[in-house]
């Protein structure tokens, strides 16, 4: 069986719903395809879980930007930093033209994913249309430099900060 077939089997056994606990219980069987999708070394799995917890702590920390009364995430993860430097302060990203452009491009990519996922919901058509208009408006200002997903093409961005310490996260994810 494929992973998809096993997930469908689990869902069928549980009234059409997939519950992570049921998936893990099924995957404990070494003969399943799902078994190979998990790290069964408890010390490595525990370290990976602590890294996930650290990400959650970082993500829930908020701040209020100057000139606003709205709370926003205090730290953002730019694609270029993932697996290396990690997260940057939002105030630093907003203040730096290149980093701000990177964040904007990533926002466009996320907007595109959102639109693809929820376009089937007619109730969200006004939201999706507004996102499309915003992306095209910015593209017009930048001389039509738009990528295949309706987002501006990436500019050269600053390199990620050097590693502060060796992280084994990528190794853990591969296990």
N, C-alpha and C. Protein backbone atom coordinates (compact mmCIF):
# COMPACT_ATOMS: atom_id res chain seq x y z
N UNK A 1 0.83 -1.19 0.00
CA UNK A 1 0.00 0.00 0.00
C UNK A 1 0.87 1.25 0.00
N UNK A 2 0.35 2.31 -0.58
CA UNK A 2 1.02 3.60 -0.53
C UNK A 2 0.63 4.32 0.75
N UNK A 3 1.34 5.41 1.05
CA UNK A 3 1.00 6.21 2.22
C UNK A 3 -0.44 6.72 2.08
N UNK A 4 -0.78 7.21 0.89
CA UNK A 4 -2.13 7.73 0.67
C UNK A 4 -3.18 6.64 0.92
N UNK A 5 -2.94 5.45 0.42
CA UNK A 5 -3.89 4.35 0.62
C UNK A 5 -4.01 3.99 2.09
N UNK A 6 -2.89 3.99 2.81
CA UNK A 6 -2.95 3.70 4.24
C UNK A 6 -3.71 4.79 5.00
N UNK A 7 -3.48 6.04 4.64
CA UNK A 7 -4.22 7.13 5.28
C UNK A 7 -5.71 7.01 5.00
N UNK A 8 -6.06 6.66 3.79
CA UNK A 8 -7.48 6.47 3.44
C UNK A 8 -8.09 5.32 4.22
N UNK A 9 -7.32 4.25 4.42
CA UNK A 9 -7.79 3.11 5.21
C UNK A 9 -8.05 3.53 6.66
N UNK A 10 -7.10 4.27 7.23
CA UNK A 10 -7.26 4.73 8.61
C UNK A 10 -8.49 5.62 8.73
N UNK A 11 -8.65 6.54 7.79
CA UNK A 11 -9.80 7.44 7.81
C UNK A 11 -11.10 6.64 7.71
N UNK A 12 -11.13 5.66 6.84
CA UNK A 12 -12.33 4.83 6.67
C UNK A 12 -12.68 4.11 7.97
N UNK A 13 -11.67 3.62 8.66
CA UNK A 13 -11.88 2.90 9.93
C UNK A 13 -12.39 3.83 11.03
N UNK A 14 -12.20 5.15 10.85
CA UNK A 14 -12.56 6.11 11.89
C UNK A 14 -13.58 7.13 11.39
N UNK A 15 -14.53 6.66 10.64
CA UNK A 15 -15.65 7.51 10.22
C UNK A 15 -15.28 8.62 9.26
N UNK A 16 -14.20 8.45 8.49
CA UNK A 16 -13.82 9.45 7.50
C UNK A 16 -12.87 10.51 8.01
N UNK A 17 -12.46 10.43 9.28
CA UNK A 17 -11.56 11.44 9.85
C UNK A 17 -10.20 10.83 10.15
N UNK A 18 -9.17 11.63 9.90
CA UNK A 18 -7.81 11.22 10.25
C UNK A 18 -7.40 11.92 11.53
N UNK A 19 -7.00 11.15 12.51
CA UNK A 19 -6.54 11.67 13.78
C UNK A 19 -5.06 11.30 13.89
N UNK A 20 -4.19 12.25 14.22
CA UNK A 20 -2.76 11.93 14.32
C UNK A 20 -2.44 10.74 15.22
N UNK A 21 -3.17 10.59 16.31
CA UNK A 21 -2.92 9.46 17.21
C UNK A 21 -3.20 8.14 16.51
N UNK A 22 -4.26 8.09 15.70
CA UNK A 22 -4.58 6.87 14.95
C UNK A 22 -3.53 6.58 13.89
N UNK A 23 -3.01 7.63 13.27
CA UNK A 23 -1.97 7.45 12.24
C UNK A 23 -0.71 6.87 12.88
N UNK A 24 -0.31 7.42 14.03
CA UNK A 24 0.89 6.91 14.71
C UNK A 24 0.67 5.48 15.16
N UNK A 25 -0.49 5.18 15.70
CA UNK A 25 -0.79 3.81 16.14
C UNK A 25 -0.68 2.84 14.97
N UNK A 26 -1.22 3.21 13.83
CA UNK A 26 -1.15 2.37 12.63
C UNK A 26 0.30 2.22 12.17
N UNK A 27 1.05 3.31 12.21
CA UNK A 27 2.43 3.32 11.73
C UNK A 27 3.39 2.54 12.62
N UNK A 28 3.00 2.23 13.84
CA UNK A 28 3.88 1.44 14.72
C UNK A 28 4.15 0.05 14.12
N UNK A 29 3.24 -0.40 13.29
CA UNK A 29 3.42 -1.69 12.60
C UNK A 29 4.53 -1.52 11.56
N UNK A 30 5.65 -2.22 11.76
CA UNK A 30 6.82 -2.08 10.89
C UNK A 30 6.57 -2.49 9.45
N UNK A 31 5.50 -3.21 9.20
CA UNK A 31 5.22 -3.65 7.82
C UNK A 31 4.46 -2.60 7.01
N UNK A 32 4.07 -1.51 7.64
CA UNK A 32 3.31 -0.49 6.91
C UNK A 32 4.24 0.51 6.22
N UNK A 33 3.75 1.11 5.18
CA UNK A 33 4.50 2.16 4.48
C UNK A 33 4.62 3.38 5.38
N UNK A 34 3.60 3.66 6.16
CA UNK A 34 3.63 4.81 7.07
C UNK A 34 4.75 4.70 8.11
N UNK A 35 5.12 3.48 8.48
CA UNK A 35 6.15 3.29 9.50
C UNK A 35 7.43 4.03 9.13
N UNK A 36 7.77 4.00 7.84
CA UNK A 36 9.01 4.63 7.38
C UNK A 36 8.93 6.15 7.36
N UNK A 37 7.77 6.73 7.61
CA UNK A 37 7.60 8.18 7.61
C UNK A 37 7.91 8.79 8.97
N UNK A 38 8.19 7.96 9.96
CA UNK A 38 8.40 8.44 11.32
C UNK A 38 9.79 8.10 11.83
N UNK A 39 10.27 8.92 12.76
CA UNK A 39 11.51 8.63 13.47
C UNK A 39 11.14 7.82 14.70
N UNK A 40 11.65 6.60 14.79
CA UNK A 40 11.31 5.73 15.91
C UNK A 40 12.40 5.71 16.97
N UNK A 41 13.48 6.44 16.74
CA UNK A 41 14.54 6.59 17.75
C UNK A 41 14.05 7.68 18.71
N UNK A 42 13.69 7.29 19.92
CA UNK A 42 13.07 8.23 20.85
C UNK A 42 13.95 9.43 21.20
N UNK A 43 15.27 9.27 21.28
CA UNK A 43 16.12 10.42 21.62
C UNK A 43 16.12 11.43 20.46
N UNK A 44 16.19 10.98 19.24
CA UNK A 44 16.13 11.89 18.09
C UNK A 44 14.75 12.52 17.96
N UNK A 45 13.73 11.73 18.19
CA UNK A 45 12.36 12.25 18.11
C UNK A 45 12.12 13.30 19.20
N UNK A 46 12.68 13.07 20.37
CA UNK A 46 12.51 14.03 21.47
C UNK A 46 13.20 15.35 21.14
N UNK A 47 14.38 15.28 20.56
CA UNK A 47 15.09 16.51 20.17
C UNK A 47 14.32 17.25 19.09
N UNK A 48 13.78 16.53 18.11
CA UNK A 48 12.97 17.16 17.07
C UNK A 48 11.74 17.82 17.66
N UNK A 49 11.14 17.18 18.64
CA UNK A 49 9.95 17.75 19.29
C UNK A 49 10.31 19.02 20.04
N UNK A 50 11.46 19.04 20.72
CA UNK A 50 11.88 20.25 21.43
C UNK A 50 12.11 21.40 20.45
N UNK A 51 12.68 21.10 19.27
CA UNK A 51 12.86 22.14 18.25
C UNK A 51 11.51 22.67 17.78
N UNK A 52 10.56 21.78 17.60
CA UNK A 52 9.21 22.20 17.22
C UNK A 52 8.62 23.09 18.30
N UNK A 53 8.79 22.71 19.57
CA UNK A 53 8.29 23.52 20.68
C UNK A 53 8.94 24.91 20.68
N UNK A 54 10.24 24.96 20.41
CA UNK A 54 10.94 26.25 20.36
C UNK A 54 10.34 27.13 19.27
N UNK A 55 10.03 26.54 18.11
CA UNK A 55 9.40 27.31 17.04
C UNK A 55 8.06 27.88 17.48
N UNK A 56 7.31 27.09 18.22
CA UNK A 56 6.00 27.54 18.70
C UNK A 56 6.14 28.70 19.67
N UNK A 57 7.14 28.63 20.55
CA UNK A 57 7.39 29.72 21.50
C UNK A 57 7.74 31.00 20.74
N UNK A 58 8.59 30.87 19.73
CA UNK A 58 9.00 32.03 18.93
C UNK A 58 7.79 32.60 18.19
N UNK A 59 6.96 31.74 17.63
CA UNK A 59 5.83 32.19 16.81
C UNK A 59 4.74 32.90 17.60
N UNK A 60 4.58 32.59 18.87
CA UNK A 60 3.50 33.22 19.64
C UNK A 60 3.92 34.54 20.28
N UNK A 61 5.21 34.85 20.25
CA UNK A 61 5.69 36.12 20.81
C UNK A 61 5.29 37.25 19.88
N UNK A 62 4.61 38.26 20.42
CA UNK A 62 4.12 39.36 19.60
C UNK A 62 4.72 40.69 20.04
N UNK A 63 4.59 41.67 19.16
CA UNK A 63 5.05 43.02 19.43
C UNK A 63 4.08 43.99 18.77
N UNK A 64 4.22 45.25 19.08
CA UNK A 64 3.43 46.30 18.43
C UNK A 64 4.42 47.20 17.71
N UNK A 65 4.23 47.34 16.40
CA UNK A 65 5.13 48.16 15.60
C UNK A 65 4.85 49.64 15.84
N UNK A 66 5.90 50.45 15.71
CA UNK A 66 5.78 51.89 15.88
C UNK A 66 4.73 52.44 14.92
N UNK A 67 3.85 53.29 15.44
CA UNK A 67 2.81 53.88 14.61
C UNK A 67 1.58 53.01 14.43
N UNK A 68 1.50 51.92 15.18
CA UNK A 68 0.36 51.01 15.07
C UNK A 68 -0.07 50.60 16.47
N UNK A 69 -1.29 50.13 16.57
CA UNK A 69 -1.74 49.60 17.86
C UNK A 69 -2.09 48.12 17.72
N UNK A 70 -1.72 47.55 16.59
CA UNK A 70 -2.03 46.15 16.31
C UNK A 70 -0.84 45.25 16.64
N UNK A 71 -1.12 44.13 17.27
CA UNK A 71 -0.07 43.17 17.59
C UNK A 71 0.29 42.35 16.35
N UNK A 72 1.58 42.13 16.16
CA UNK A 72 2.08 41.29 15.08
C UNK A 72 3.15 40.35 15.66
N UNK A 73 3.47 39.32 14.94
CA UNK A 73 4.53 38.43 15.39
C UNK A 73 5.83 39.22 15.52
N UNK A 74 6.54 38.99 16.60
CA UNK A 74 7.78 39.71 16.86
C UNK A 74 8.93 39.18 15.99
N UNK A 75 8.84 37.94 15.56
CA UNK A 75 9.89 37.32 14.77
C UNK A 75 9.28 36.67 13.54
N UNK A 76 10.02 36.71 12.43
CA UNK A 76 9.57 36.05 11.21
C UNK A 76 10.69 35.13 10.71
N UNK A 77 10.26 34.09 10.04
CA UNK A 77 11.20 33.15 9.46
C UNK A 77 11.20 33.37 7.94
N UNK A 78 12.31 33.87 7.43
CA UNK A 78 12.45 34.03 5.99
C UNK A 78 13.03 32.75 5.41
N UNK A 79 12.58 32.40 4.24
CA UNK A 79 13.01 31.15 3.61
C UNK A 79 14.52 31.02 3.61
N UNK A 80 15.22 32.12 3.35
CA UNK A 80 16.68 32.10 3.26
C UNK A 80 17.35 31.77 4.60
N UNK A 81 16.63 31.92 5.69
CA UNK A 81 17.21 31.68 7.02
C UNK A 81 16.88 30.31 7.59
N UNK A 82 15.94 29.62 7.00
CA UNK A 82 15.49 28.35 7.58
C UNK A 82 16.60 27.32 7.57
N UNK A 83 16.79 26.68 8.71
CA UNK A 83 17.84 25.67 8.85
C UNK A 83 19.19 26.26 9.18
N UNK A 84 19.31 27.59 9.14
CA UNK A 84 20.58 28.25 9.43
C UNK A 84 20.40 29.21 10.61
N UNK A 85 20.02 30.44 10.29
CA UNK A 85 19.90 31.47 11.33
C UNK A 85 18.56 31.41 12.05
N UNK A 86 17.53 30.94 11.39
CA UNK A 86 16.25 30.80 12.05
C UNK A 86 15.31 31.95 11.83
N UNK A 87 15.11 32.78 12.85
CA UNK A 87 14.12 33.84 12.84
C UNK A 87 14.78 35.20 12.98
N UNK A 88 14.15 36.21 12.38
CA UNK A 88 14.64 37.59 12.49
C UNK A 88 13.55 38.43 13.15
N UNK A 89 13.98 39.51 13.82
CA UNK A 89 13.02 40.44 14.41
C UNK A 89 12.26 41.13 13.28
N UNK A 90 10.95 41.22 13.41
CA UNK A 90 10.13 41.84 12.37
C UNK A 90 10.53 43.29 12.15
N UNK A 91 10.89 44.01 13.23
CA UNK A 91 11.28 45.42 13.07
C UNK A 91 12.53 45.56 12.21
N UNK A 92 13.45 44.59 12.31
CA UNK A 92 14.66 44.62 11.48
C UNK A 92 14.33 44.30 10.03
N UNK A 93 13.43 43.36 9.82
CA UNK A 93 13.05 42.97 8.45
C UNK A 93 12.34 44.12 7.76
N UNK A 94 11.41 44.76 8.45
CA UNK A 94 10.66 45.87 7.87
C UNK A 94 11.58 47.05 7.55
N UNK A 95 12.59 47.28 8.37
CA UNK A 95 13.50 48.42 8.20
C UNK A 95 14.50 48.21 7.07
N UNK A 96 14.75 46.98 6.67
CA UNK A 96 15.74 46.68 5.64
C UNK A 96 15.02 46.42 4.31
N UNK A 97 15.30 47.24 3.30
CA UNK A 97 14.60 47.15 2.02
C UNK A 97 14.62 45.77 1.39
N UNK A 98 15.79 45.13 1.38
CA UNK A 98 15.89 43.82 0.75
C UNK A 98 15.16 42.74 1.53
N UNK A 99 15.29 42.77 2.85
CA UNK A 99 14.60 41.78 3.67
C UNK A 99 13.09 42.00 3.62
N UNK A 100 12.67 43.27 3.58
CA UNK A 100 11.25 43.58 3.46
C UNK A 100 10.71 43.03 2.14
N UNK A 101 11.48 43.19 1.05
CA UNK A 101 11.07 42.67 -0.25
C UNK A 101 10.96 41.14 -0.20
N UNK A 102 11.88 40.50 0.47
CA UNK A 102 11.83 39.04 0.63
C UNK A 102 10.56 38.63 1.36
N UNK A 103 10.25 39.32 2.45
CA UNK A 103 9.04 39.02 3.21
C UNK A 103 7.80 39.23 2.35
N UNK A 104 7.80 40.30 1.55
CA UNK A 104 6.68 40.58 0.67
C UNK A 104 6.51 39.47 -0.37
N UNK A 105 7.60 39.01 -0.95
CA UNK A 105 7.54 37.93 -1.93
C UNK A 105 7.00 36.65 -1.30
N UNK A 106 7.42 36.38 -0.07
CA UNK A 106 6.91 35.20 0.61
C UNK A 106 5.43 35.34 0.93
N UNK A 107 5.00 36.56 1.24
CA UNK A 107 3.57 36.80 1.47
C UNK A 107 2.79 36.53 0.19
N UNK A 108 3.32 36.97 -0.94
CA UNK A 108 2.65 36.69 -2.22
C UNK A 108 2.54 35.19 -2.47
N UNK A 109 3.60 34.47 -2.18
CA UNK A 109 3.58 33.01 -2.37
C UNK A 109 2.52 32.37 -1.48
N UNK A 110 2.43 32.81 -0.22
CA UNK A 110 1.41 32.28 0.70
C UNK A 110 0.00 32.66 0.25
N UNK A 111 -0.14 33.88 -0.29
CA UNK A 111 -1.44 34.30 -0.80
C UNK A 111 -1.86 33.42 -1.97
N UNK A 112 -0.91 33.07 -2.81
CA UNK A 112 -1.19 32.21 -3.95
C UNK A 112 -1.64 30.83 -3.50
N UNK A 113 -0.98 30.28 -2.49
CA UNK A 113 -1.36 28.97 -1.94
C UNK A 113 -2.75 29.05 -1.33
N UNK A 114 -3.02 30.12 -0.58
CA UNK A 114 -4.33 30.32 0.03
C UNK A 114 -5.40 30.35 -1.06
N UNK A 115 -5.14 31.12 -2.11
CA UNK A 115 -6.13 31.26 -3.20
C UNK A 115 -6.40 29.91 -3.86
N UNK A 116 -5.36 29.15 -4.11
CA UNK A 116 -5.55 27.83 -4.74
C UNK A 116 -6.36 26.90 -3.84
N UNK A 117 -6.10 26.96 -2.55
CA UNK A 117 -6.78 26.06 -1.62
C UNK A 117 -8.25 26.42 -1.44
N UNK A 118 -8.56 27.72 -1.37
CA UNK A 118 -9.90 28.15 -1.01
C UNK A 118 -10.72 28.75 -2.14
N UNK A 119 -10.20 28.74 -3.36
CA UNK A 119 -10.93 29.31 -4.49
C UNK A 119 -12.29 28.62 -4.70
N UNK A 120 -12.42 27.39 -4.26
CA UNK A 120 -13.68 26.65 -4.41
C UNK A 120 -14.78 27.20 -3.51
N UNK A 121 -14.42 28.00 -2.51
CA UNK A 121 -15.41 28.59 -1.61
C UNK A 121 -15.83 29.96 -2.15
N UNK A 122 -17.01 30.03 -2.71
CA UNK A 122 -17.50 31.26 -3.33
C UNK A 122 -17.54 32.41 -2.32
N UNK A 123 -17.74 32.09 -1.05
CA UNK A 123 -17.80 33.12 -0.01
C UNK A 123 -16.48 33.89 0.09
N UNK A 124 -15.39 33.26 -0.32
CA UNK A 124 -14.07 33.91 -0.22
C UNK A 124 -13.65 34.60 -1.51
N UNK A 125 -14.49 34.57 -2.52
CA UNK A 125 -14.14 35.20 -3.80
C UNK A 125 -13.72 36.66 -3.64
N UNK A 126 -14.44 37.48 -2.83
CA UNK A 126 -14.00 38.87 -2.68
C UNK A 126 -12.59 39.00 -2.08
N UNK A 127 -12.27 38.12 -1.14
CA UNK A 127 -10.95 38.16 -0.50
C UNK A 127 -9.88 37.77 -1.52
N UNK A 128 -10.13 36.70 -2.24
CA UNK A 128 -9.16 36.21 -3.22
C UNK A 128 -9.00 37.24 -4.35
N UNK A 129 -10.09 37.83 -4.80
CA UNK A 129 -10.01 38.87 -5.83
C UNK A 129 -9.18 40.06 -5.34
N UNK A 130 -9.37 40.45 -4.08
CA UNK A 130 -8.61 41.57 -3.51
C UNK A 130 -7.12 41.23 -3.44
N UNK A 131 -6.79 40.00 -3.09
CA UNK A 131 -5.39 39.58 -3.06
C UNK A 131 -4.80 39.64 -4.46
N UNK A 132 -5.53 39.14 -5.46
CA UNK A 132 -5.06 39.17 -6.84
C UNK A 132 -4.80 40.61 -7.29
N UNK A 133 -5.73 41.51 -6.97
CA UNK A 133 -5.58 42.91 -7.35
C UNK A 133 -4.35 43.53 -6.68
N UNK A 134 -4.15 43.22 -5.42
CA UNK A 134 -2.99 43.77 -4.69
C UNK A 134 -1.69 43.28 -5.32
N UNK A 135 -1.62 42.01 -5.66
CA UNK A 135 -0.40 41.48 -6.27
C UNK A 135 -0.14 42.14 -7.62
N UNK A 136 -1.19 42.32 -8.41
CA UNK A 136 -1.02 42.92 -9.73
C UNK A 136 -0.68 44.41 -9.64
N UNK A 137 -1.22 45.09 -8.63
CA UNK A 137 -0.93 46.50 -8.43
C UNK A 137 0.55 46.70 -8.11
N UNK A 138 1.08 45.87 -7.23
CA UNK A 138 2.50 45.97 -6.88
C UNK A 138 3.35 45.59 -8.09
N UNK A 139 2.91 44.59 -8.84
CA UNK A 139 3.65 44.19 -10.04
C UNK A 139 3.72 45.34 -11.04
N UNK A 140 2.63 46.10 -11.15
CA UNK A 140 2.62 47.24 -12.07
C UNK A 140 3.61 48.30 -11.61
N UNK A 141 3.72 48.50 -10.29
CA UNK A 141 4.66 49.49 -9.74
C UNK A 141 6.10 49.06 -9.94
N UNK A 142 6.34 47.76 -10.00
CA UNK A 142 7.71 47.26 -10.13
C UNK A 142 8.06 46.97 -11.59
N UNK A 143 7.28 47.53 -12.49
CA UNK A 143 7.58 47.35 -13.91
C UNK A 143 7.15 46.00 -14.45
N UNK A 144 6.14 45.40 -13.83
CA UNK A 144 5.61 44.12 -14.34
C UNK A 144 6.47 42.92 -14.03
N UNK A 145 7.39 43.08 -13.10
CA UNK A 145 8.25 41.96 -12.73
C UNK A 145 7.47 41.02 -11.84
N UNK A 146 6.75 40.11 -12.48
CA UNK A 146 5.90 39.18 -11.75
C UNK A 146 6.31 37.76 -12.13
N UNK A 147 6.41 36.90 -11.12
CA UNK A 147 6.74 35.51 -11.36
C UNK A 147 5.53 34.72 -11.80
N UNK A 148 5.69 33.44 -12.03
CA UNK A 148 4.64 32.57 -12.53
C UNK A 148 3.43 32.45 -11.64
N UNK A 149 3.57 32.72 -10.35
CA UNK A 149 2.43 32.61 -9.43
C UNK A 149 1.78 33.95 -9.14
N UNK A 150 2.09 34.97 -9.95
CA UNK A 150 1.50 36.28 -9.71
C UNK A 150 2.25 37.08 -8.67
N UNK A 151 3.40 36.60 -8.27
CA UNK A 151 4.18 37.32 -7.26
C UNK A 151 5.40 37.95 -7.93
N UNK A 152 5.94 39.02 -7.36
CA UNK A 152 7.13 39.63 -7.95
C UNK A 152 8.29 38.65 -7.98
N UNK A 153 9.11 38.78 -9.01
CA UNK A 153 10.30 37.93 -9.10
C UNK A 153 11.25 38.29 -7.98
N UNK A 154 11.97 37.29 -7.50
CA UNK A 154 12.89 37.50 -6.38
C UNK A 154 14.07 38.36 -6.81
N UNK A 155 14.45 39.28 -5.95
CA UNK A 155 15.66 40.06 -6.14
C UNK A 155 16.76 39.38 -5.35
N UNK A 156 17.96 39.81 -5.59
CA UNK A 156 19.06 39.31 -4.78
C UNK A 156 18.83 39.79 -3.35
N UNK A 157 18.90 38.87 -2.41
CA UNK A 157 18.65 39.24 -1.02
C UNK A 157 19.91 39.00 -0.19
N UNK A 158 19.91 39.59 0.97
CA UNK A 158 21.05 39.41 1.88
C UNK A 158 21.20 37.94 2.25
N UNK A 159 22.42 37.55 2.43
CA UNK A 159 22.69 36.18 2.84
C UNK A 159 22.26 35.98 4.28
N UNK A 160 21.93 34.75 4.60
CA UNK A 160 21.54 34.41 5.96
C UNK A 160 22.71 34.64 6.90
N UNK A 161 22.39 34.94 8.14
CA UNK A 161 23.43 35.09 9.15
C UNK A 161 24.16 33.76 9.30
N UNK A 162 25.43 33.80 9.65
CA UNK A 162 26.15 32.54 9.83
C UNK A 162 25.55 31.73 10.97
N UNK A 163 25.81 30.44 10.91
CA UNK A 163 25.29 29.55 11.94
C UNK A 163 25.85 29.97 13.30
N UNK A 164 24.96 30.02 14.27
CA UNK A 164 25.39 30.35 15.62
C UNK A 164 25.85 29.08 16.33
N UNK A 165 25.25 28.00 15.95
CA UNK A 165 25.62 26.71 16.52
C UNK A 165 25.15 25.65 15.55
N UNK A 166 25.76 24.53 15.62
CA UNK A 166 25.37 23.45 14.72
C UNK A 166 23.99 22.95 15.08
N UNK A 167 23.14 22.84 14.08
CA UNK A 167 21.80 22.32 14.31
C UNK A 167 21.68 20.99 13.60
N UNK A 168 21.06 20.08 14.24
CA UNK A 168 20.88 18.76 13.67
C UNK A 168 19.46 18.58 13.16
N UNK A 169 18.74 19.68 13.05
CA UNK A 169 17.35 19.65 12.67
C UNK A 169 17.14 18.96 11.31
N UNK A 170 17.98 19.31 10.32
CA UNK A 170 17.80 18.72 9.01
C UNK A 170 18.06 17.22 9.05
N UNK A 171 19.00 16.80 9.87
CA UNK A 171 19.27 15.37 10.02
C UNK A 171 18.09 14.67 10.68
N UNK A 172 17.49 15.33 11.67
CA UNK A 172 16.36 14.75 12.36
C UNK A 172 15.17 14.60 11.43
N UNK A 173 14.97 15.60 10.59
CA UNK A 173 13.84 15.55 9.66
C UNK A 173 14.01 14.43 8.65
N UNK A 174 15.26 14.10 8.33
CA UNK A 174 15.52 13.07 7.33
C UNK A 174 15.37 11.66 7.89
N UNK A 175 15.41 11.53 9.21
CA UNK A 175 15.33 10.20 9.83
C UNK A 175 13.93 9.66 9.77
